[in-house]
Amino acid sequence: MKLKYSLQSIFLPSIVLPKASSSSSLAFVHSTPALFHKSAKAIHTRRVTISSSIRIGSSSRCSRTKTSSSISMTSSATKSLVVDPFCFRQFAEKETSVGYAGAVFNISIEKFEEIVNSRYDASQLQDGYAPFCKHIFLANDFTDARVNVLPITPDNEHALRTKYEARSEKELPVLTRYFDRELLLKNKKEEDVFPVSKYLDLILYSSEQIEKENAAMGKEGGEKETAPWGIVSIKAQDVDHELPMTPITAMRNALGKDQGGSGVELKRESYMEAYEYWNAHANVL
């Protein structure tokens, strides 16, 4: 790179050299040795600075502190999937997992996010019950999560129970039917009743929808999430396609956002498909 600047204009902007003969200039320098020494030091310093900038290029113009900060921000911003706080109850590291009867993972949230993001492929997203909802199915070769949906048979129907349940304190309680885990496991080993699932169904909500629902439930505030998708639920199952939503969940979603629903209109066809499946199956709680 050629610099079209004079030595005087770049390195000695505050020093005006006398326009005289070479002998006069030499006399000037000799008559002010301290000033010349200081100027020479400034010349060297600025020459090193400009030279370093030329060699390194524009990509290294930030300080080390800024670069480190940028790397951290980039790492967070490049995530496609994050575990939404609503899903924290499915991880053993969180207190809210105590008593939760669905799939609970011993793996940390941080490690789980790392693995699912490394396997994320946008082309594999499958439509959910609304435009803001998607599913992605991953082979379950990194957790010990067991299935928690079983077909109803004469051998296990004695373990069926019902209760009113709300998934959070903001939701309206609704009536649910389920298998009592303790009754199913009576005199049996866990692996004989609940096999390790072959797949994980990650249920995703768009970040925009999560923000809307949080606002409606009075949960605004905090740092804005940059990932486009939030994992709101994880199902451990043996098939790589979506299981029908339970009829009562479909009804709850049809409620307004301020009641814990998503505001999506109930569709009779989808509801009847859900009924056909869940009339013969039940979750384990």
C-alpha atoms as a PDB file:
ATOM      1  CA  MET A   1       0.000   0.000   0.000  1.00  0.00           C
ATOM      2  CA  LYS A   2       1.375   3.463  -0.889  1.00  0.00           C
ATOM      3  CA  LEU A   3       0.747   6.321   1.510  1.00  0.00           C
ATOM      4  CA  LYS A   4       0.360   9.615  -0.339  1.00  0.00           C
ATOM      5  CA  TYR A   5       1.256  11.745   2.628  1.00  0.00           C
ATOM      6  CA  SER A   6       4.436  13.566   3.577  1.00  0.00           C
ATOM      7  CA  LEU A   7       6.445  12.587   6.620  1.00  0.00           C
ATOM      8  CA  GLN A   8       5.748  16.022   8.063  1.00  0.00           C
ATOM      9  CA  SER A   9       1.923  15.816   7.698  1.00  0.00           C
ATOM     10  CA  ILE A  10       1.625  12.308   9.195  1.00  0.00           C
ATOM     11  CA  PHE A  11       4.273  12.010  11.854  1.00  0.00           C
ATOM     12  CA  LEU A  12       4.945  15.612  12.901  1.00  0.00           C
ATOM     13  CA  PRO A  13       1.635  17.453  12.649  1.00  0.00           C
ATOM     14  CA  SER A  14       2.519  19.703  15.584  1.00  0.00           C
ATOM     15  CA  ILE A  15       6.046  20.598  14.479  1.00  0.00           C
ATOM     16  CA  VAL A  16       6.709  23.103  11.689  1.00  0.00           C
ATOM     17  CA  LEU A  17      10.150  22.620  10.206  1.00  0.00           C
ATOM     18  CA  PRO A  18      11.799  25.780   8.864  1.00  0.00           C
ATOM     19  CA  LYS A  19      11.854  26.085   5.067  1.00  0.00           C
ATOM     20  CA  ALA A  20      15.509  26.930   4.745  1.00  0.00           C
ATOM     21  CA  SER A  21      18.638  25.408   3.311  1.00  0.00           C
ATOM     22  CA  SER A  22      19.849  22.014   4.450  1.00  0.00           C
ATOM     23  CA  SER A  23      22.436  23.691   6.661  1.00  0.00           C
ATOM     24  CA  SER A  24      19.766  25.819   8.348  1.00  0.00           C
ATOM     25  CA  SER A  25      17.636  22.725   8.950  1.00  0.00           C
ATOM     26  CA  LEU A  26      20.602  20.953  10.458  1.00  0.00           C
ATOM     27  CA  ALA A  27      21.297  23.941  12.675  1.00  0.00           C
ATOM     28  CA  PHE A  28      17.674  23.894  13.799  1.00  0.00           C
ATOM     29  CA  VAL A  29      17.909  20.267  14.791  1.00  0.00           C
ATOM     30  CA  HIS A  30      21.162  20.685  16.650  1.00  0.00           C
ATOM     31  CA  SER A  31      19.845  23.743  18.448  1.00  0.00           C
ATOM     32  CA  THR A  32      16.819  21.779  19.817  1.00  0.00           C
ATOM     33  CA  PRO A  33      18.118  18.288  20.621  1.00  0.00           C
ATOM     34  CA  ALA A  34      15.393  17.577  23.209  1.00  0.00           C
ATOM     35  CA  LEU A  35      12.615  18.526  20.813  1.00  0.00           C
ATOM     36  CA  PHE A  36      14.111  16.422  18.014  1.00  0.00           C
ATOM     37  CA  HIS A  37      14.519  13.403  20.294  1.00  0.00           C
ATOM     38  CA  LYS A  38      10.870  13.670  21.372  1.00  0.00           C
ATOM     39  CA  SER A  39       9.731  14.060  17.773  1.00  0.00           C
ATOM     40  CA  ALA A  40      11.794  11.099  16.624  1.00  0.00           C
ATOM     41  CA  LYS A  41      10.207   8.962  19.318  1.00  0.00           C
ATOM     42  CA  ALA A  42       6.745  10.099  18.166  1.00  0.00           C
ATOM     43  CA  ILE A  43       7.669   9.276  14.570  1.00  0.00           C
ATOM     44  CA  HIS A  44       8.704   5.754  15.546  1.00  0.00           C
ATOM     45  CA  THR A  45       5.552   5.202  17.600  1.00  0.00           C
ATOM     46  CA  ARG A  46       3.208   6.357  14.864  1.00  0.00           C
ATOM     47  CA  ARG A  47       5.130   4.448  12.205  1.00  0.00           C
ATOM     48  CA  VAL A  48       4.684   1.226  14.212  1.00  0.00           C
ATOM     49  CA  THR A  49       0.970   1.957  14.688  1.00  0.00           C
ATOM     50  CA  ILE A  50       0.300   2.606  10.999  1.00  0.00           C
ATOM     51  CA  SER A  51       2.470  -0.300   9.917  1.00  0.00           C
ATOM     52  CA  SER A  52       0.622  -2.673  12.257  1.00  0.00           C
ATOM     53  CA  SER A  53      -2.734  -1.462  10.973  1.00  0.00           C
ATOM     54  CA  ILE A  54      -1.691  -2.068   7.381  1.00  0.00           C
ATOM     55  CA  ARG A  55      -0.373  -5.577   8.074  1.00  0.00           C
ATOM     56  CA  ILE A  56      -3.268  -6.712  10.238  1.00  0.00           C
ATOM     57  CA  GLY A  57      -6.077  -5.198   8.166  1.00  0.00           C
ATOM     58  CA  SER A  58      -9.555  -4.029   9.048  1.00  0.00           C
ATOM     59  CA  SER A  59     -10.576  -7.313  10.710  1.00  0.00           C
ATOM     60  CA  SER A  60      -8.265  -6.720  13.668  1.00  0.00           C
ATOM     61  CA  ARG A  61      -9.027  -3.096  14.431  1.00  0.00           C
ATOM     62  CA  CYS A  62     -10.923  -3.905  17.610  1.00  0.00           C
ATOM     63  CA  SER A  63      -9.221  -4.185  20.930  1.00  0.00           C
ATOM     64  CA  ARG A  64      -8.737  -7.595  22.545  1.00  0.00           C
ATOM     65  CA  THR A  65     -11.533  -6.837  24.983  1.00  0.00           C
ATOM     66  CA  LYS A  66     -13.987  -5.961  22.216  1.00  0.00           C
ATOM     67  CA  THR A  67     -12.994  -9.008  20.212  1.00  0.00           C
ATOM     68  CA  SER A  68     -13.598 -11.309  23.167  1.00  0.00           C
ATOM     69  CA  SER A  69     -16.991  -9.715  23.768  1.00  0.00           C
ATOM     70  CA  SER A  70     -17.922 -10.061  20.106  1.00  0.00           C
ATOM     71  CA  ILE A  71     -17.077 -13.761  20.135  1.00  0.00           C
ATOM     72  CA  SER A  72     -19.331 -14.300  23.136  1.00  0.00           C
ATOM     73  CA  MET A  73     -22.215 -12.387  21.550  1.00  0.00           C
ATOM     74  CA  THR A  74     -21.797 -14.196  18.259  1.00  0.00           C
ATOM     75  CA  SER A  75     -21.883 -17.578  19.992  1.00  0.00           C
ATOM     76  CA  SER A  76     -25.233 -16.713  21.600  1.00  0.00           C
ATOM     77  CA  ALA A  77     -26.657 -15.095  18.493  1.00  0.00           C
ATOM     78  CA  THR A  78     -25.877 -18.067  16.249  1.00  0.00           C
ATOM     79  CA  LYS A  79     -28.093 -20.490  18.203  1.00  0.00           C
ATOM     80  CA  SER A  80     -31.166 -21.590  16.297  1.00  0.00           C
ATOM     81  CA  LEU A  81     -32.766 -23.362  19.253  1.00  0.00           C
ATOM     82  CA  VAL A  82     -32.911 -22.453  22.944  1.00  0.00           C
ATOM     83  CA  VAL A  83     -34.741 -24.156  25.799  1.00  0.00           C
ATOM     84  CA  ASP A  84     -37.568 -21.842  26.829  1.00  0.00           C
ATOM     85  CA  PRO A  85     -38.064 -21.343  30.604  1.00  0.00           C
ATOM     86  CA  PHE A  86     -41.443 -23.081  30.265  1.00  0.00           C
ATOM     87  CA  CYS A  87     -39.479 -26.242  29.413  1.00  0.00           C
ATOM     88  CA  PHE A  88     -37.041 -25.977  32.345  1.00  0.00           C
ATOM     89  CA  ARG A  89     -39.243 -28.394  34.308  1.00  0.00           C
ATOM     90  CA  GLN A  90     -37.974 -31.154  31.998  1.00  0.00           C
ATOM     91  CA  PHE A  91     -34.384 -30.860  33.214  1.00  0.00           C
ATOM     92  CA  ALA A  92     -33.235 -32.358  36.500  1.00  0.00           C
ATOM     93  CA  GLU A  93     -30.970 -29.371  37.227  1.00  0.00           C
ATOM     94  CA  LYS A  94     -34.066 -27.214  37.809  1.00  0.00           C
ATOM     95  CA  GLU A  95     -36.173 -27.422  40.973  1.00  0.00           C
ATOM     96  CA  THR A  96     -39.361 -27.292  38.899  1.00  0.00           C
ATOM     97  CA  SER A  97     -38.551 -30.783  37.575  1.00  0.00           C
ATOM     98  CA  VAL A  98     -39.371 -32.295  40.983  1.00  0.00           C
ATOM     99  CA  GLY A  99     -42.702 -34.023  40.650  1.00  0.00           C
ATOM    100  CA  TYR A 100     -42.924 -33.499  36.890  1.00  0.00           C
ATOM    101  CA  ALA A 101     -44.159 -36.751  35.357  1.00  0.00           C
ATOM    102  CA  GLY A 102     -43.153 -36.155  31.758  1.00  0.00           C
ATOM    103  CA  ALA A 103     -39.705 -36.800  30.326  1.00  0.00           C
ATOM    104  CA  VAL A 104     -37.031 -35.360  32.626  1.00  0.00           C
ATOM    105  CA  PHE A 105     -33.446 -35.167  31.371  1.00  0.00           C
ATOM    106  CA  ASN A 106     -30.323 -35.608  33.461  1.00  0.00           C
ATOM    107  CA  ILE A 107     -28.273 -33.830  30.812  1.00  0.00           C
ATOM    108  CA  SER A 108     -27.719 -30.108  31.461  1.00  0.00           C
ATOM    109  CA  ILE A 109     -29.678 -27.497  29.521  1.00  0.00           C
ATOM    110  CA  GLU A 110     -26.415 -26.072  28.183  1.00  0.00           C
ATOM    111  CA  LYS A 111     -25.251 -29.451  26.849  1.00  0.00           C
ATOM    112  CA  PHE A 112     -28.695 -30.254  25.466  1.00  0.00           C
ATOM    113  CA  GLU A 113     -28.764 -26.968  23.535  1.00  0.00           C
ATOM    114  CA  GLU A 114     -25.255 -27.633  22.237  1.00  0.00           C
ATOM    115  CA  ILE A 115     -26.225 -31.058  20.854  1.00  0.00           C
ATOM    116  CA  VAL A 116     -29.579 -30.096  19.341  1.00  0.00           C
ATOM    117  CA  ASN A 117     -28.109 -27.015  17.670  1.00  0.00           C
ATOM    118  CA  SER A 118     -25.315 -29.103  16.142  1.00  0.00           C
ATOM    119  CA  ARG A 119     -27.997 -31.360  14.618  1.00  0.00           C
ATOM    120  CA  TYR A 120     -30.418 -28.615  13.645  1.00  0.00           C
ATOM    121  CA  ASP A 121     -31.440 -28.564   9.990  1.00  0.00           C
ATOM    122  CA  ALA A 122     -34.102 -26.022   9.036  1.00  0.00           C
ATOM    123  CA  SER A 123     -35.206 -28.219   6.128  1.00  0.00           C
ATOM    124  CA  GLN A 124     -36.270 -30.884   8.667  1.00  0.00           C
ATOM    125  CA  LEU A 125     -38.778 -28.638  10.456  1.00  0.00           C
ATOM    126  CA  GLN A 126     -42.323 -29.988  10.350  1.00  0.00           C
ATOM    127  CA  ASP A 127     -45.453 -27.888  10.693  1.00  0.00           C
ATOM    128  CA  GLY A 128     -47.265 -27.857  14.010  1.00  0.00           C
ATOM    129  CA  TYR A 129     -50.822 -26.929  14.888  1.00  0.00           C
ATOM    130  CA  ALA A 130     -50.254 -23.231  14.058  1.00  0.00           C
ATOM    131  CA  PRO A 131     -47.864 -21.206  11.851  1.00  0.00           C
ATOM    132  CA  PHE A 132     -45.731 -20.275  14.865  1.00  0.00           C
ATOM    133  CA  CYS A 133     -45.345 -23.930  15.970  1.00  0.00           C
ATOM    134  CA  LYS A 134     -42.874 -26.397  14.470  1.00  0.00           C
ATOM    135  CA  HIS A 135     -41.548 -29.855  15.295  1.00  0.00           C
ATOM    136  CA  ILE A 136     -38.137 -31.336  14.765  1.00  0.00           C
ATOM    137  CA  PHE A 137     -37.413 -35.005  15.444  1.00  0.00           C
ATOM    138  CA  LEU A 138     -34.002 -36.213  16.591  1.00  0.00           C
ATOM    139  CA  ALA A 139     -32.700 -39.708  17.219  1.00  0.00           C
ATOM    140  CA  ASN A 140     -32.457 -40.191  20.963  1.00  0.00           C
ATOM    141  CA  ASP A 141     -28.891 -41.439  21.232  1.00  0.00           C
ATOM    142  CA  PHE A 142     -27.750 -38.883  23.797  1.00  0.00           C
ATOM    143  CA  THR A 143     -30.270 -39.149  26.666  1.00  0.00           C
ATOM    144  CA  ASP A 144     -31.815 -41.922  28.767  1.00  0.00           C
ATOM    145  CA  ALA A 145     -35.333 -40.504  28.476  1.00  0.00           C
ATOM    146  CA  ARG A 146     -38.043 -43.153  28.492  1.00  0.00           C
ATOM    147  CA  VAL A 147     -41.410 -43.132  26.758  1.00  0.00           C
ATOM    148  CA  ASN A 148     -44.243 -41.756  28.872  1.00  0.00           C
ATOM    149  CA  VAL A 149     -47.227 -42.575  26.658  1.00  0.00           C
ATOM    150  CA  LEU A 150     -48.654 -46.093  26.764  1.00  0.00           C
ATOM    151  CA  PRO A 151     -51.573 -47.841  25.064  1.00  0.00           C
ATOM    152  CA  ILE A 152     -54.479 -48.664  27.375  1.00  0.00           C
ATOM    153  CA  THR A 153     -54.815 -52.434  27.862  1.00  0.00           C
ATOM    154  CA  PRO A 154     -56.748 -54.728  30.224  1.00  0.00           C
ATOM    155  CA  ASP A 155     -53.467 -55.253  32.095  1.00  0.00           C
ATOM    156  CA  ASN A 156     -52.842 -51.609  32.890  1.00  0.00           C
ATOM    157  CA  GLU A 157     -56.218 -49.871  32.843  1.00  0.00           C
ATOM    158  CA  HIS A 158     -56.416 -50.300  36.619  1.00  0.00           C
ATOM    159  CA  ALA A 159     -53.665 -47.669  36.848  1.00  0.00           C
ATOM    160  CA  LEU A 160     -55.689 -44.961  35.055  1.00  0.00           C
ATOM    161  CA  ARG A 161     -56.493 -41.880  37.120  1.00  0.00           C
ATOM    162  CA  THR A 162     -57.951 -38.395  36.538  1.00  0.00           C
ATOM    163  CA  LYS A 163     -57.241 -35.005  38.077  1.00  0.00           C
ATOM    164  CA  TYR A 164     -57.451 -31.289  37.420  1.00  0.00           C
ATOM    165  CA  GLU A 165     -54.105 -29.856  36.411  1.00  0.00           C
ATOM    166  CA  ALA A 166     -52.554 -26.543  35.365  1.00  0.00           C
ATOM    167  CA  ARG A 167     -49.100 -26.460  33.789  1.00  0.00           C
ATOM    168  CA  SER A 168     -48.360 -23.101  35.407  1.00  0.00           C
ATOM    169  CA  GLU A 169     -49.966 -20.852  38.024  1.00  0.00           C
ATOM    170  CA  LYS A 170     -51.272 -18.595  35.259  1.00  0.00           C
ATOM    171  CA  GLU A 171     -53.221 -21.333  33.462  1.00  0.00           C
ATOM    172  CA  LEU A 172     -56.752 -22.516  34.122  1.00  0.00           C
ATOM    173  CA  PRO A 173     -56.793 -26.068  35.579  1.00  0.00           C
ATOM    174  CA  VAL A 174     -58.312 -28.655  33.213  1.00  0.00           C
ATOM    175  CA  LEU A 175     -59.323 -32.280  33.699  1.00  0.00           C
ATOM    176  CA  THR A 176     -56.697 -34.809  32.569  1.00  0.00           C
ATOM    177  CA  ARG A 177     -56.548 -38.609  32.375  1.00  0.00           C
ATOM    178  CA  TYR A 178     -53.271 -40.390  33.023  1.00  0.00           C
ATOM    179  CA  PHE A 179     -51.511 -43.538  34.173  1.00  0.00           C
ATOM    180  CA  ASP A 180     -50.264 -43.485  37.757  1.00  0.00           C
ATOM    181  CA  ARG A 181     -46.574 -44.338  37.490  1.00  0.00           C
ATOM    182  CA  GLU A 182     -46.321 -45.974  40.902  1.00  0.00           C
ATOM    183  CA  LEU A 183     -49.207 -48.305  40.157  1.00  0.00           C
ATOM    184  CA  LEU A 184     -47.659 -49.290  36.820  1.00  0.00           C
ATOM    185  CA  LEU A 185     -44.304 -50.038  38.435  1.00  0.00           C
ATOM    186  CA  LYS A 186     -45.676 -52.069  41.324  1.00  0.00           C
ATOM    187  CA  ASN A 187     -43.574 -55.257  41.488  1.00  0.00           C
ATOM    188  CA  LYS A 188     -42.003 -54.424  38.108  1.00  0.00           C
ATOM    189  CA  LYS A 189     -38.733 -52.955  36.817  1.00  0.00           C
ATOM    190  CA  GLU A 190     -38.785 -49.567  35.096  1.00  0.00           C
ATOM    191  CA  GLU A 191     -37.186 -50.916  31.905  1.00  0.00           C
ATOM    192  CA  ASP A 192     -39.919 -53.544  31.650  1.00  0.00           C
ATOM    193  CA  VAL A 193     -42.635 -50.901  31.608  1.00  0.00           C
ATOM    194  CA  PHE A 194     -40.964 -47.848  30.062  1.00  0.00           C
ATOM    195  CA  PRO A 195     -38.391 -48.480  27.315  1.00  0.00           C
ATOM    196  CA  VAL A 196     -35.857 -45.767  26.407  1.00  0.00           C
ATOM    197  CA  SER A 197     -37.385 -43.729  23.602  1.00  0.00           C
ATOM    198  CA  LYS A 198     -36.046 -43.960  20.062  1.00  0.00           C
ATOM    199  CA  TYR A 199     -36.787 -40.332  19.217  1.00  0.00           C
ATOM    200  CA  LEU A 200     -37.220 -36.915  20.763  1.00  0.00           C
ATOM    201  CA  ASP A 201     -39.905 -34.603  19.463  1.00  0.00           C
ATOM    202  CA  LEU A 202     -38.795 -31.018  20.073  1.00  0.00           C
ATOM    203  CA  ILE A 203     -41.843 -28.777  20.019  1.00  0.00           C
ATOM    204  CA  LEU A 204     -40.838 -25.271  18.960  1.00  0.00           C
ATOM    205  CA  TYR A 205     -42.517 -21.890  19.209  1.00  0.00           C
ATOM    206  CA  SER A 206     -41.258 -18.867  17.294  1.00  0.00           C
ATOM    207  CA  SER A 207     -39.583 -16.208  19.399  1.00  0.00           C
ATOM    208  CA  GLU A 208     -42.309 -13.753  18.353  1.00  0.00           C
ATOM    209  CA  GLN A 209     -45.076 -16.016  19.682  1.00  0.00           C
ATOM    210  CA  ILE A 210     -43.233 -16.592  22.949  1.00  0.00           C
ATOM    211  CA  GLU A 211     -42.904 -12.836  23.413  1.00  0.00           C
ATOM    212  CA  LYS A 212     -46.631 -12.347  22.772  1.00  0.00           C
ATOM    213  CA  GLU A 213     -47.642 -15.045  25.260  1.00  0.00           C
ATOM    214  CA  ASN A 214     -45.200 -13.787  27.886  1.00  0.00           C
ATOM    215  CA  ALA A 215     -46.592 -10.274  27.507  1.00  0.00           C
ATOM    216  CA  ALA A 216     -50.172 -11.531  27.841  1.00  0.00           C
ATOM    217  CA  MET A 217     -49.226 -13.473  30.979  1.00  0.00           C
ATOM    218  CA  GLY A 218     -47.388 -10.508  32.505  1.00  0.00           C
ATOM    219  CA  LYS A 219     -43.928 -12.029  32.066  1.00  0.00           C
ATOM    220  CA  GLU A 220     -42.321  -9.194  30.121  1.00  0.00           C
ATOM    221  CA  GLY A 221     -38.814  -8.053  30.929  1.00  0.00           C
ATOM    222  CA  GLY A 222     -35.389  -9.596  30.900  1.00  0.00           C
ATOM    223  CA  GLU A 223     -32.955 -10.000  28.060  1.00  0.00           C
ATOM    224  CA  LYS A 224     -34.525 -10.426  24.612  1.00  0.00           C
ATOM    225  CA  GLU A 225     -33.797 -13.842  23.112  1.00  0.00           C
ATOM    226  CA  THR A 226     -32.075 -13.795  19.720  1.00  0.00           C
ATOM    227  CA  ALA A 227     -32.646 -17.433  18.707  1.00  0.00           C
ATOM    228  CA  PRO A 228     -35.552 -17.794  16.240  1.00  0.00           C
ATOM    229  CA  TRP A 229     -37.027 -20.863  17.987  1.00  0.00           C
ATOM    230  CA  GLY A 230     -37.732 -21.701  21.615  1.00  0.00           C
ATOM    231  CA  ILE A 231     -38.118 -25.323  22.753  1.00  0.00           C
ATOM    232  CA  VAL A 232     -41.335 -25.293  24.790  1.00  0.00           C
ATOM    233  CA  SER A 233     -41.735 -29.054  25.243  1.00  0.00           C
ATOM    234  CA  ILE A 234     -39.856 -32.299  24.574  1.00  0.00           C
ATOM    235  CA  LYS A 235     -41.587 -35.622  24.029  1.00  0.00           C
ATOM    236  CA  ALA A 236     -39.743 -38.930  24.323  1.00  0.00           C
ATOM    237  CA  GLN A 237     -41.390 -41.358  21.918  1.00  0.00           C
ATOM    238  CA  ASP A 238     -40.855 -44.302  19.571  1.00  0.00           C
ATOM    239  CA  VAL A 239     -42.013 -42.681  16.318  1.00  0.00           C
ATOM    240  CA  ASP A 240     -40.461 -39.885  14.255  1.00  0.00           C
ATOM    241  CA  HIS A 241     -43.685 -37.992  13.692  1.00  0.00           C
ATOM    242  CA  GLU A 242     -45.986 -35.872  15.802  1.00  0.00           C
ATOM    243  CA  LEU A 243     -48.347 -37.553  18.197  1.00  0.00           C
ATOM    244  CA  PRO A 244     -51.796 -35.931  18.254  1.00  0.00           C
ATOM    245  CA  MET A 245     -52.245 -33.201  20.811  1.00  0.00           C
ATOM    246  CA  THR A 246     -54.447 -34.289  23.694  1.00  0.00           C
ATOM    247  CA  PRO A 247     -58.016 -33.026  23.220  1.00  0.00           C
ATOM    248  CA  ILE A 248     -57.915 -31.042  26.451  1.00  0.00           C
ATOM    249  CA  THR A 249     -54.695 -29.305  25.359  1.00  0.00           C
ATOM    250  CA  ALA A 250     -56.363 -28.339  22.073  1.00  0.00           C
ATOM    251  CA  MET A 251     -59.237 -26.860  24.060  1.00  0.00           C
ATOM    252  CA  ARG A 252     -56.853 -24.977  26.332  1.00  0.00           C
ATOM    253  CA  ASN A 253     -54.988 -23.535  23.351  1.00  0.00           C
ATOM    254  CA  ALA A 254     -58.285 -22.197  21.999  1.00  0.00           C
ATOM    255  CA  LEU A 255     -58.538 -19.999  25.099  1.00  0.00           C
ATOM    256  CA  GLY A 256     -57.089 -16.507  25.102  1.00  0.00           C
ATOM    257  CA  LYS A 257     -53.400 -15.990  25.786  1.00  0.00           C
ATOM    258  CA  ASP A 258     -54.252 -14.450  29.149  1.00  0.00           C
ATOM    259  CA  GLN A 259     -55.637 -17.833  30.260  1.00  0.00           C
ATOM    260  CA  GLY A 260     -52.574 -19.817  29.231  1.00  0.00           C
ATOM    261  CA  GLY A 261     -53.758 -20.639  25.713  1.00  0.00           C
ATOM    262  CA  SER A 262     -52.275 -19.625  22.373  1.00  0.00           C
ATOM    263  CA  GLY A 263     -55.478 -18.191  20.937  1.00  0.00           C
ATOM    264  CA  VAL A 264     -55.614 -20.705  18.053  1.00  0.00           C
ATOM    265  CA  GLU A 265     -59.117 -21.654  16.931  1.00  0.00           C
ATOM    266  CA  LEU A 266     -60.208 -25.214  17.635  1.00  0.00           C
ATOM    267  CA  LYS A 267     -60.576 -27.301  14.463  1.00  0.00           C
ATOM    268  CA  ARG A 268     -63.048 -30.166  14.641  1.00  0.00           C
ATOM    269  CA  GLU A 269     -61.126 -32.454  12.256  1.00  0.00           C
ATOM    270  CA  SER A 270     -57.886 -32.154  14.232  1.00  0.00           C
ATOM    271  CA  TYR A 271     -59.773 -32.552  17.486  1.00  0.00           C
ATOM    272  CA  MET A 272     -61.398 -35.799  16.336  1.00  0.00           C
ATOM    273  CA  GLU A 273     -58.019 -37.185  15.220  1.00  0.00           C
ATOM    274  CA  ALA A 274     -56.710 -36.421  18.697  1.00  0.00           C
ATOM    275  CA  TYR A 275     -59.725 -38.124  20.250  1.00  0.00           C
ATOM    276  CA  GLU A 276     -59.174 -41.314  18.212  1.00  0.00           C
ATOM    277  CA  TYR A 277     -55.594 -41.621  19.458  1.00  0.00           C
ATOM    278  CA  TRP A 278     -56.025 -40.564  23.078  1.00  0.00           C
ATOM    279  CA  ASN A 279     -59.128 -42.624  23.576  1.00  0.00           C
ATOM    280  CA  ALA A 280     -56.796 -45.625  23.428  1.00  0.00           C
ATOM    281  CA  HIS A 281     -53.639 -44.093  24.975  1.00  0.00           C
ATOM    282  CA  ALA A 282     -52.701 -42.121  28.079  1.00  0.00           C
ATOM    283  CA  ASN A 283     -49.746 -40.174  29.417  1.00  0.00           C
ATOM    284  CA  VAL A 284     -47.858 -41.454  32.431  1.00  0.00           C
ATOM    285  CA  LEU A 285     -47.722 -39.087  35.387  1.00  0.00           C
END
